[in-house]
Each structure stands twice: as C-alpha cells, then as structure tokens.
C-alpha atoms as a PDB file:
ATOM      1  CA  MET A   1     -69.864  33.274  31.801  1.00  0.00           C
ATOM      2  CA  SER A   2     -69.541  35.732  28.922  1.00  0.00           C
ATOM      3  CA  LEU A   3     -71.838  35.721  25.934  1.00  0.00           C
ATOM      4  CA  ARG A   4     -68.978  34.634  23.653  1.00  0.00           C
ATOM      5  CA  LYS A   5     -68.280  31.539  25.721  1.00  0.00           C
ATOM      6  CA  ALA A   6     -71.976  30.835  26.166  1.00  0.00           C
ATOM      7  CA  ALA A   7     -72.476  30.912  22.395  1.00  0.00           C
ATOM      8  CA  LYS A   8     -69.745  28.304  21.915  1.00  0.00           C
ATOM      9  CA  VAL A   9     -71.322  25.857  24.334  1.00  0.00           C
ATOM     10  CA  GLY A  10     -73.963  24.823  21.873  1.00  0.00           C
ATOM     11  CA  GLN A  11     -71.669  24.811  18.854  1.00  0.00           C
ATOM     12  CA  ARG A  12     -70.967  21.576  17.071  1.00  0.00           C
ATOM     13  CA  ILE A  13     -67.319  20.557  17.082  1.00  0.00           C
ATOM     14  CA  HIS A  14     -65.961  20.405  13.518  1.00  0.00           C
ATOM     15  CA  LYS A  15     -64.372  17.115  12.573  1.00  0.00           C
ATOM     16  CA  ASP A  16     -62.438  16.445   9.385  1.00  0.00           C
ATOM     17  CA  ARG A  17     -64.004  13.973   7.079  1.00  0.00           C
ATOM     18  CA  THR A  18     -62.310  10.578   7.011  1.00  0.00           C
ATOM     19  CA  GLN A  19     -61.654   8.567   3.878  1.00  0.00           C
ATOM     20  CA  PRO A  20     -64.673   6.419   3.060  1.00  0.00           C
ATOM     21  CA  LEU A  21     -64.096   2.674   3.269  1.00  0.00           C
ATOM     22  CA  GLY A  22     -64.842   2.294  -0.423  1.00  0.00           C
ATOM     23  CA  ARG A  23     -62.011   4.707  -1.338  1.00  0.00           C
ATOM     24  CA  GLU A  24     -59.270   3.457   0.998  1.00  0.00           C
ATOM     25  CA  SER A  25     -57.357   2.124  -2.013  1.00  0.00           C
ATOM     26  CA  PHE A  26     -56.827   5.734  -3.184  1.00  0.00           C
ATOM     27  CA  GLY A  27     -54.746   6.585  -0.106  1.00  0.00           C
ATOM     28  CA  TYR A  28     -54.943   9.375   2.410  1.00  0.00           C
ATOM     29  CA  LEU A  29     -57.727  11.962   2.062  1.00  0.00           C
ATOM     30  CA  GLU A  30     -56.218  15.440   2.234  1.00  0.00           C
ATOM     31  CA  HIS A  31     -57.661  18.024   4.610  1.00  0.00           C
ATOM     32  CA  LYS A  32     -57.452  21.791   4.838  1.00  0.00           C
ATOM     33  CA  LYS A  33     -54.243  21.727   6.945  1.00  0.00           C
ATOM     34  CA  ASP A  34     -52.509  19.670   4.261  1.00  0.00           C
ATOM     35  CA  TRP A  35     -53.152  22.009   1.323  1.00  0.00           C
ATOM     36  CA  LEU A  36     -52.446  25.023   3.544  1.00  0.00           C
ATOM     37  CA  GLU A  37     -48.987  23.630   4.266  1.00  0.00           C
ATOM     38  CA  ARG A  38     -48.419  22.847   0.584  1.00  0.00           C
ATOM     39  CA  ALA A  39     -49.541  26.325  -0.468  1.00  0.00           C
ATOM     40  CA  ARG A  40     -47.267  27.941   2.141  1.00  0.00           C
ATOM     41  CA  ASP A  41     -44.287  25.950   0.856  1.00  0.00           C
ATOM     42  CA  GLN A  42     -45.110  26.873  -2.749  1.00  0.00           C
ATOM     43  CA  ASN A  43     -45.293  30.576  -1.896  1.00  0.00           C
ATOM     44  CA  GLU A  44     -41.940  30.469  -0.093  1.00  0.00           C
ATOM     45  CA  LYS A  45     -40.310  28.873  -3.129  1.00  0.00           C
ATOM     46  CA  LYS A  46     -41.805  31.543  -5.395  1.00  0.00           C
ATOM     47  CA  LYS A  47     -40.370  34.265  -3.138  1.00  0.00           C
ATOM     48  CA  LYS A  48     -36.916  32.682  -3.220  1.00  0.00           C
ATOM     49  CA  ILE A  49     -36.958  32.354  -7.005  1.00  0.00           C
ATOM     50  CA  LYS A  50     -38.080  35.975  -7.341  1.00  0.00           C
ATOM     51  CA  HIS A  51     -35.306  37.121  -4.984  1.00  0.00           C
ATOM     52  CA  LEU A  52     -32.622  35.119  -6.844  1.00  0.00           C
ATOM     53  CA  ARG A  53     -33.838  36.426 -10.211  1.00  0.00           C
ATOM     54  CA  GLN A  54     -33.656  39.997  -8.968  1.00  0.00           C
ATOM     55  CA  LYS A  55     -30.192  39.351  -7.492  1.00  0.00           C
ATOM     56  CA  ALA A  56     -28.990  37.978 -10.828  1.00  0.00           C
ATOM     57  CA  LEU A  57     -30.293  41.050 -12.674  1.00  0.00           C
ATOM     58  CA  GLU A  58     -28.535  43.428 -10.268  1.00  0.00           C
ATOM     59  CA  ARG A  59     -25.282  41.450 -10.156  1.00  0.00           C
ATOM     60  CA  ASN A  60     -22.074  43.331 -10.876  1.00  0.00           C
ATOM     61  CA  PRO A  61     -20.248  41.600 -13.765  1.00  0.00           C
ATOM     62  CA  ASP A  62     -16.893  42.647 -12.260  1.00  0.00           C
ATOM     63  CA  GLU A  63     -17.694  41.126  -8.852  1.00  0.00           C
ATOM     64  CA  TYR A  64     -15.012  38.818  -7.430  1.00  0.00           C
ATOM     65  CA  HIS A  65     -15.513  35.091  -7.797  1.00  0.00           C
ATOM     66  CA  HIS A  66     -13.195  32.286  -6.692  1.00  0.00           C
ATOM     67  CA  HIS A  67     -13.162  30.950 -10.242  1.00  0.00           C
ATOM     68  CA  MET A  68     -11.186  34.045 -11.270  1.00  0.00           C
ATOM     69  CA  VAL A  69      -8.075  32.792  -9.472  1.00  0.00           C
ATOM     70  CA  ARG A  70      -8.614  29.125 -10.354  1.00  0.00           C
ATOM     71  CA  SER A  71      -8.847  29.593 -14.113  1.00  0.00           C
ATOM     72  CA  GLU A  72      -7.136  31.418 -16.933  1.00  0.00           C
ATOM     73  CA  ILE A  73      -8.166  32.777 -20.329  1.00  0.00           C
ATOM     74  CA  LYS A  74      -6.741  30.943 -23.316  1.00  0.00           C
ATOM     75  CA  ALA A  75      -6.139  32.315 -26.811  1.00  0.00           C
ATOM     76  CA  ASN A  76      -9.757  31.669 -27.841  1.00  0.00           C
ATOM     77  CA  GLY A  77     -11.062  33.745 -24.929  1.00  0.00           C
ATOM     78  CA  ILE A  78     -12.478  30.798 -22.989  1.00  0.00           C
ATOM     79  CA  HIS A  79     -11.747  30.214 -19.308  1.00  0.00           C
ATOM     80  CA  ARG A  80      -9.903  26.982 -18.587  1.00  0.00           C
ATOM     81  CA  GLU A  81      -9.354  25.368 -15.205  1.00  0.00           C
ATOM     82  CA  LEU A  82      -5.856  25.630 -13.804  1.00  0.00           C
ATOM     83  CA  ASP A  83      -3.748  22.594 -13.035  1.00  0.00           C
ATOM     84  CA  PRO A  84      -4.912  21.107  -9.697  1.00  0.00           C
ATOM     85  CA  ASP A  85      -1.252  20.840  -8.667  1.00  0.00           C
ATOM     86  CA  SER A  86      -1.218  24.625  -8.419  1.00  0.00           C
ATOM     87  CA  ASP A  87      -3.455  24.477  -5.326  1.00  0.00           C
ATOM     88  CA  ASP A  88      -1.701  25.130  -2.046  1.00  0.00           C
ATOM     89  CA  GLU A  89      -3.006  22.012  -0.286  1.00  0.00           C
ATOM     90  CA  THR A  90      -4.756  18.784  -1.143  1.00  0.00           C
ATOM     91  CA  LEU A  91      -7.669  17.245   0.733  1.00  0.00           C
ATOM     92  CA  LEU A  92      -5.405  15.005   2.833  1.00  0.00           C
ATOM     93  CA  GLN A  93      -3.120  17.918   3.691  1.00  0.00           C
ATOM     94  CA  LYS A  94      -6.076  20.008   4.869  1.00  0.00           C
ATOM     95  CA  GLN A  95      -7.028  17.263   7.352  1.00  0.00           C
ATOM     96  CA  PHE A  96      -3.841  17.859   9.358  1.00  0.00           C
ATOM     97  CA  GLU A  97      -3.725  21.545  10.146  1.00  0.00           C
ATOM     98  CA  GLY A  98      -2.567  21.754  13.746  1.00  0.00           C
ATOM     99  CA  ILE A  99       0.951  21.247  15.016  1.00  0.00           C
ATOM    100  CA  ARG A 100      -0.394  18.666  17.465  1.00  0.00           C
ATOM    101  CA  ASP A 101      -0.898  16.301  14.498  1.00  0.00           C
ATOM    102  CA  LEU A 102       2.864  16.185  13.865  1.00  0.00           C
ATOM    103  CA  HIS A 103       3.573  13.077  15.959  1.00  0.00           C
ATOM    104  CA  TYR A 104       0.474  11.327  14.603  1.00  0.00           C
ATOM    105  CA  VAL A 105       1.618  11.879  11.009  1.00  0.00           C
ATOM    106  CA  LYS A 106       5.085  10.558  11.891  1.00  0.00           C
ATOM    107  CA  HIS A 107       3.489   7.419  13.310  1.00  0.00           C
ATOM    108  CA  LYS A 108       1.274   6.913  10.239  1.00  0.00           C
ATOM    109  CA  LEU A 109       4.255   7.442   7.945  1.00  0.00           C
ATOM    110  CA  ALA A 110       6.277   4.799   9.816  1.00  0.00           C
ATOM    111  CA  VAL A 111       3.350   2.359   9.603  1.00  0.00           C
ATOM    112  CA  GLU A 112       2.993   3.037   5.890  1.00  0.00           C
ATOM    113  CA  LYS A 113       6.699   2.400   5.288  1.00  0.00           C
ATOM    114  CA  LYS A 114       6.498  -0.969   7.072  1.00  0.00           C
ATOM    115  CA  LYS A 115       3.520  -2.011   4.962  1.00  0.00           C
ATOM    116  CA  ILE A 116       5.335  -0.962   1.783  1.00  0.00           C
ATOM    117  CA  GLU A 117       8.415  -2.976   2.729  1.00  0.00           C
ATOM    118  CA  SER A 118       6.207  -5.993   3.458  1.00  0.00           C
ATOM    119  CA  LEU A 119       4.501  -5.682   0.074  1.00  0.00           C
ATOM    120  CA  LYS A 120       7.831  -5.289  -1.705  1.00  0.00           C
ATOM    121  CA  ALA A 121       9.170  -8.393  -0.029  1.00  0.00           C
ATOM    122  CA  SER A 122       6.128 -10.425  -1.059  1.00  0.00           C
ATOM    123  CA  LEU A 123       6.333  -9.107  -4.621  1.00  0.00           C
ATOM    124  CA  HIS A 124      10.092  -9.713  -4.845  1.00  0.00           C
ATOM    125  CA  LEU A 125      10.681  -5.980  -5.271  1.00  0.00           C
ATOM    126  CA  ALA A 126      12.866  -5.455  -2.249  1.00  0.00           C
ATOM    127  CA  GLY A 127      15.925  -4.894  -4.412  1.00  0.00           C
ATOM    128  CA  ALA A 128      14.204  -2.934  -7.198  1.00  0.00           C
ATOM    129  CA  GLU A 129      14.933   0.502  -5.764  1.00  0.00           C
ATOM    130  CA  THR A 130      17.987  -0.276  -3.662  1.00  0.00           C
ATOM    131  CA  PRO A 131      21.574  -0.545  -4.865  1.00  0.00           C
ATOM    132  CA  GLN A 132      22.885  -4.049  -5.442  1.00  0.00           C
ATOM    133  CA  ASN A 133      25.159  -5.229  -2.661  1.00  0.00           C
ATOM    134  CA  SER A 134      28.293  -7.192  -3.437  1.00  0.00           C
ATOM    135  CA  HIS A 135      28.546 -10.755  -2.170  1.00  0.00           C
ATOM    136  CA  ILE A 136      32.168 -11.812  -1.631  1.00  0.00           C
ATOM    137  CA  VAL A 137      32.965 -15.528  -1.714  1.00  0.00           C
ATOM    138  CA  PHE A 138      36.404 -16.602  -0.528  1.00  0.00           C
ATOM    139  CA  VAL A 139      38.157 -19.497  -2.267  1.00  0.00           C
ATOM    140  CA  ASP A 140      41.402 -21.357  -1.569  1.00  0.00           C
ATOM    141  CA  ASP A 141      43.405 -20.667  -4.747  1.00  0.00           C
ATOM    142  CA  GLU A 142      43.322 -18.971  -8.174  1.00  0.00           C
ATOM    143  CA  GLU A 143      42.355 -22.131 -10.037  1.00  0.00           C
ATOM    144  CA  GLU A 144      39.241 -22.532  -7.896  1.00  0.00           C
ATOM    145  CA  ALA A 145      38.434 -18.869  -8.519  1.00  0.00           C
ATOM    146  CA  ARG A 146      38.655 -19.373 -12.302  1.00  0.00           C
ATOM    147  CA  ASN A 147      36.402 -22.451 -12.160  1.00  0.00           C
ATOM    148  CA  PHE A 148      33.965 -20.892  -9.679  1.00  0.00           C
ATOM    149  CA  ASP A 149      30.299 -21.345 -10.679  1.00  0.00           C
ATOM    150  CA  PRO A 150      27.948 -18.980  -8.738  1.00  0.00           C
ATOM    151  CA  ALA A 151      24.793 -20.899  -9.740  1.00  0.00           C
ATOM    152  CA  GLU A 152      26.222 -24.147  -8.399  1.00  0.00           C
ATOM    153  CA  TYR A 153      27.526 -22.444  -5.256  1.00  0.00           C
ATOM    154  CA  PHE A 154      24.151 -20.889  -4.387  1.00  0.00           C
ATOM    155  CA  ASN A 155      22.218 -23.945  -5.683  1.00  0.00           C
ATOM    156  CA  THR A 156      19.860 -21.819  -7.789  1.00  0.00           C
ATOM    157  CA  ASP A 157      19.002 -20.969 -11.358  1.00  0.00           C
ATOM    158  CA  PRO A 158      21.499 -18.708 -13.213  1.00  0.00           C
ATOM    159  CA  ALA A 159      18.667 -16.259 -13.993  1.00  0.00           C
ATOM    160  CA  LEU A 160      18.262 -15.560 -10.264  1.00  0.00           C
ATOM    161  CA  LEU A 161      21.885 -14.707  -9.555  1.00  0.00           C
ATOM    162  CA  GLY A 162      21.302 -10.970  -9.950  1.00  0.00           C
ATOM    163  CA  ARG A 163      18.772 -10.959  -7.131  1.00  0.00           C
ATOM    164  CA  SER A 164      19.693  -9.791  -3.677  1.00  0.00           C
ATOM    165  CA  TYR A 165      16.311 -11.034  -2.399  1.00  0.00           C
ATOM    166  CA  ASN A 166      14.368 -14.279  -2.391  1.00  0.00           C
ATOM    167  CA  ARG A 167      16.983 -16.271  -4.268  1.00  0.00           C
ATOM    168  CA  LEU A 168      15.136 -19.608  -4.289  1.00  0.00           C
ATOM    169  CA  PRO A 169      17.080 -22.875  -4.422  1.00  0.00           C
ATOM    170  CA  LYS A 170      16.445 -25.393  -7.188  1.00  0.00           C
ATOM    171  CA  ASP A 171      14.284 -27.624  -4.988  1.00  0.00           C
ATOM    172  CA  ALA A 172      11.910 -24.764  -4.179  1.00  0.00           C
ATOM    173  CA  LEU A 173      11.788 -23.777  -7.858  1.00  0.00           C
ATOM    174  CA  ASN A 174      10.839 -27.308  -8.868  1.00  0.00           C
ATOM    175  CA  LYS A 175       8.063 -27.412  -6.247  1.00  0.00           C
ATOM    176  CA  LYS A 176       6.633 -24.103  -7.480  1.00  0.00           C
ATOM    177  CA  ALA A 177       6.686 -25.366 -11.070  1.00  0.00           C
ATOM    178  CA  ILE A 178       4.809 -28.536 -10.046  1.00  0.00           C
ATOM    179  CA  ASN A 179       2.161 -26.607  -8.042  1.00  0.00           C
ATOM    180  CA  ALA A 180       1.019 -24.652 -11.121  1.00  0.00           C
ATOM    181  CA  GLU A 181      -1.150 -27.461 -12.492  1.00  0.00           C
ATOM    182  CA  SER A 182      -3.606 -25.540 -14.709  1.00  0.00           C
ATOM    183  CA  LYS A 183      -4.065 -22.284 -16.613  1.00  0.00           C
ATOM    184  CA  GLU A 184      -6.725 -21.220 -14.103  1.00  0.00           C
ATOM    185  CA  ASP A 185      -4.153 -21.363 -11.291  1.00  0.00           C
ATOM    186  CA  VAL A 186      -1.768 -19.226 -13.332  1.00  0.00           C
ATOM    187  CA  LYS A 187      -4.520 -16.677 -14.097  1.00  0.00           C
ATOM    188  CA  GLU A 188      -5.541 -16.533 -10.444  1.00  0.00           C
ATOM    189  CA  THR A 189      -1.940 -15.992  -9.384  1.00  0.00           C
ATOM    190  CA  GLU A 190      -1.502 -13.262 -11.978  1.00  0.00           C
ATOM    191  CA  LYS A 191      -4.702 -11.568 -10.798  1.00  0.00           C
ATOM    192  CA  LYS A 192      -3.480 -11.555  -7.206  1.00  0.00           C
ATOM    193  CA  ARG A 193      -0.120 -10.210  -8.298  1.00  0.00           C
ATOM    194  CA  ARG A 194      -1.723  -7.306 -10.203  1.00  0.00           C
ATOM    195  CA  GLY A 195      -3.881  -6.515  -7.170  1.00  0.00           C
ATOM    196  CA  MET A 196      -0.820  -6.424  -4.933  1.00  0.00           C
ATOM    197  CA  TYR A 197       1.005  -4.139  -7.379  1.00  0.00           C
ATOM    198  CA  LYS A 198      -2.005  -1.820  -7.403  1.00  0.00           C
ATOM    199  CA  MET A 199      -2.040  -1.771  -3.606  1.00  0.00           C
ATOM    200  CA  LEU A 200       1.691  -1.055  -3.575  1.00  0.00           C
ATOM    201  CA  LYS A 201       1.206   1.891  -5.939  1.00  0.00           C
ATOM    202  CA  LEU A 202      -1.523   3.354  -3.720  1.00  0.00           C
ATOM    203  CA  ARG A 203       0.611   2.989  -0.607  1.00  0.00           C
ATOM    204  CA  LEU A 204       3.598   4.627  -2.314  1.00  0.00           C
ATOM    205  CA  GLU A 205       1.408   7.580  -3.269  1.00  0.00           C
ATOM    206  CA  ARG A 206       0.080   7.814   0.301  1.00  0.00           C
ATOM    207  CA  GLU A 207       3.628   7.675   1.657  1.00  0.00           C
ATOM    208  CA  ARG A 208       4.641  10.552  -0.640  1.00  0.00           C
ATOM    209  CA  GLU A 209       1.590  12.528   0.462  1.00  0.00           C
ATOM    210  CA  LEU A 210       2.307  11.908   4.148  1.00  0.00           C
ATOM    211  CA  LYS A 211       5.895  13.116   3.659  1.00  0.00           C
ATOM    212  CA  ILE A 212       4.564  16.368   2.214  1.00  0.00           C
ATOM    213  CA  VAL A 213       2.146  16.704   5.142  1.00  0.00           C
ATOM    214  CA  LEU A 214       4.980  16.057   7.580  1.00  0.00           C
ATOM    215  CA  ASP A 215       7.168  18.705   5.949  1.00  0.00           C
ATOM    216  CA  LYS A 216       4.369  21.286   6.099  1.00  0.00           C
ATOM    217  CA  LEU A 217       3.537  20.518   9.734  1.00  0.00           C
ATOM    218  CA  GLN A 218       7.211  20.690  10.672  1.00  0.00           C
ATOM    219  CA  LEU A 219       7.421  24.060   8.918  1.00  0.00           C
ATOM    220  CA  LYS A 220       4.411  25.323  10.906  1.00  0.00           C
ATOM    221  CA  LYS A 221       6.069  24.184  14.117  1.00  0.00           C
ATOM    222  CA  ASP A 222       9.336  25.936  13.214  1.00  0.00           C
ATOM    223  CA  LEU A 223       7.457  29.140  12.385  1.00  0.00           C
ATOM    224  CA  ALA A 224       5.582  28.981  15.688  1.00  0.00           C
ATOM    225  CA  ASP A 225       8.803  28.397  17.643  1.00  0.00           C
ATOM    226  CA  SER A 226      10.503  31.384  16.009  1.00  0.00           C
ATOM    227  CA  ARG A 227       7.895  33.940  17.109  1.00  0.00           C
ATOM    228  CA  ASN A 228       9.808  34.922  20.243  1.00  0.00           C
ATOM    229  CA  SER A 229      13.215  34.218  18.762  1.00  0.00           C
ATOM    230  CA  GLU A 230      15.825  36.562  17.342  1.00  0.00           C
ATOM    231  CA  LEU A 231      15.775  34.586  14.099  1.00  0.00           C
ATOM    232  CA  LYS A 232      13.024  35.906  11.828  1.00  0.00           C
ATOM    233  CA  PRO A 233      11.680  33.756   8.959  1.00  0.00           C
ATOM    234  CA  THR A 234      11.512  35.127   5.448  1.00  0.00           C
ATOM    235  CA  LEU A 235       9.527  33.437   2.693  1.00  0.00           C
ATOM    236  CA  GLU A 236      11.832  32.356  -0.142  1.00  0.00           C
ATOM    237  CA  LYS A 237       9.484  30.171  -2.175  1.00  0.00           C
ATOM    238  CA  LYS A 238       5.743  29.650  -1.903  1.00  0.00           C
ATOM    239  CA  GLY A 239       4.496  26.150  -1.126  1.00  0.00           C
ATOM    240  CA  THR A 240       2.431  24.033  -3.491  1.00  0.00           C
ATOM    241  CA  ALA A 241       0.451  20.820  -3.269  1.00  0.00           C
ATOM    242  CA  THR A 242       3.600  18.785  -3.909  1.00  0.00           C
ATOM    243  CA  LYS A 243       6.075  20.499  -1.595  1.00  0.00           C
ATOM    244  CA  ALA A 244       6.216  22.718   1.448  1.00  0.00           C
ATOM    245  CA  ALA A 245       7.135  26.377   1.352  1.00  0.00           C
ATOM    246  CA  VAL A 246      10.769  27.408   1.709  1.00  0.00           C
ATOM    247  CA  TYR A 247      11.669  29.834   4.502  1.00  0.00           C
ATOM    248  CA  LYS A 248      15.015  31.305   5.398  1.00  0.00           C
ATOM    249  CA  TRP A 249      15.690  32.349   8.966  1.00  0.00           C
ATOM    250  CA  LYS A 250      17.682  35.537   9.291  1.00  0.00           C
ATOM    251  CA  TYR A 251      19.123  37.089  12.410  1.00  0.00           C
ATOM    252  CA  ASP A 252      17.291  40.302  13.298  1.00  0.00           C
ATOM    253  CA  ARG A 253      19.875  42.545  14.892  1.00  0.00           C
ATOM    254  CA  LYS A 254      18.546  44.763  17.645  1.00  0.00           C
ATOM    255  CA  LYS A 255      19.866  48.311  17.627  1.00  0.00           C
END
C-alpha cells in the first residue's frame, strides 16, 4: 500500500451538515455544491452578455436583416411593416409543401364544401349565392292564368314566394310562431343563429384558403412534370398569398 493511500485510511469522511430540526421551516440548507452550481451559471450568463455586447458594438449598420424586405420607409423616415398579403405564403399554405399532399387537400376541400352546403341549408342561405330558378306552373286556360295566386298554390306566406329553398307551408309557420313562447327563447335562437353565421364565415375563409393551396400544389406538380418535357415553363406573374403564380409553357424547339 502506498503512503498516499495509507494516509487516507485514518482520515475522517466529510459529511455535509444537515438542516437542524429547529430550522426545518426555513427549507433546504444549501451546501457547497449548490452555490458552486449557481456561481457557474452566473459566470456563464456574464460571458454571454459580454459577448452579445461586444457583437452589438462591432455590428455593421449596413448588414442584411429580414426586416429590410418586409418593411418600407415612409415620408417621415420611419420603417413601416408591409401588408401581410404581400407575403408569398400563409401559415396554412406552408403546411402543404409536397406534391403528395395534393389528393389530401382535394379531399379536405370536398369535405369543407359539404359542411358549407349543410350550414347554408340550415341557415336558409342555400339560394343566397345561386341564381333563382324559374318554377313553371301549367294551367288549363287564360282565365285561370290571370286569376292564379302563387301563395295559395304553394300554401305559404306571400313573403316566402321568392325563396327557392325551405318554403314552409302555413301550418309549419303557425307551429313555429306558437313555439316561440318567451323573449328568452327568441334571444337563445338569435344567439345560435349568430354562432352558425360565424362558423359559416370561418368555413368560407378556409375553403378559399384551401383553393389557393390546391392551385399552388397543382402548379408545383405541373412544374415537376415538365422537367423532362419539351414544353418549358416561363414565369409570367409572381404568386402571392391570395393566388398562385402564373406560368406559361412554351415549346422549346431543338435545333
């Protein structure tokens, strides 16, 4: 056994002092390892702050920054943010980058259209954006045509004759009028109606966004398919967040 090891045999093992029972209410008693770790962390933070301060002092004022292309200088010399519509892609459009997402976006767009049609039908808006269809009623003679009453023929209120959707008969209208017994029922119905209109607006915006995504993905697919083709694409108009880019395919004649 070496002298160094022999000297350690008789040494007393150091033990950290524990928190006395009378001071347990003051929490954990820190030891040397605890303040060493805290001091090490404090020194690292000081080094980082010193490095960042030095980097700021040596920074080139003409260095490129992404804010240069996302802002413009107004008459008063102050930078103002550009219109967000000037960005090439929105957050939803960036989620679908690959061509393999094309069929998935088509499926989601079809699902969204079905939900919109269902909401329109429940809100009696099915005919709001569609042209009014003509309803031809055949009669026996000219006198019957002159005395023809559409409200009596369709058994509904004259105010509902212009509808091509949900034209309720008089019996159903009377039942609906009886069911609204109090002002609270009317307020609750109005609240639900506003919520459904809000949901319809959100779904219409999502449908518009999905159409833009579909156009951009279809454009990417067409560009990828034309790599080995004789038709070469040429950019006519740059794309924005609201519409896809416009390309024109021209025949590249081989000499």
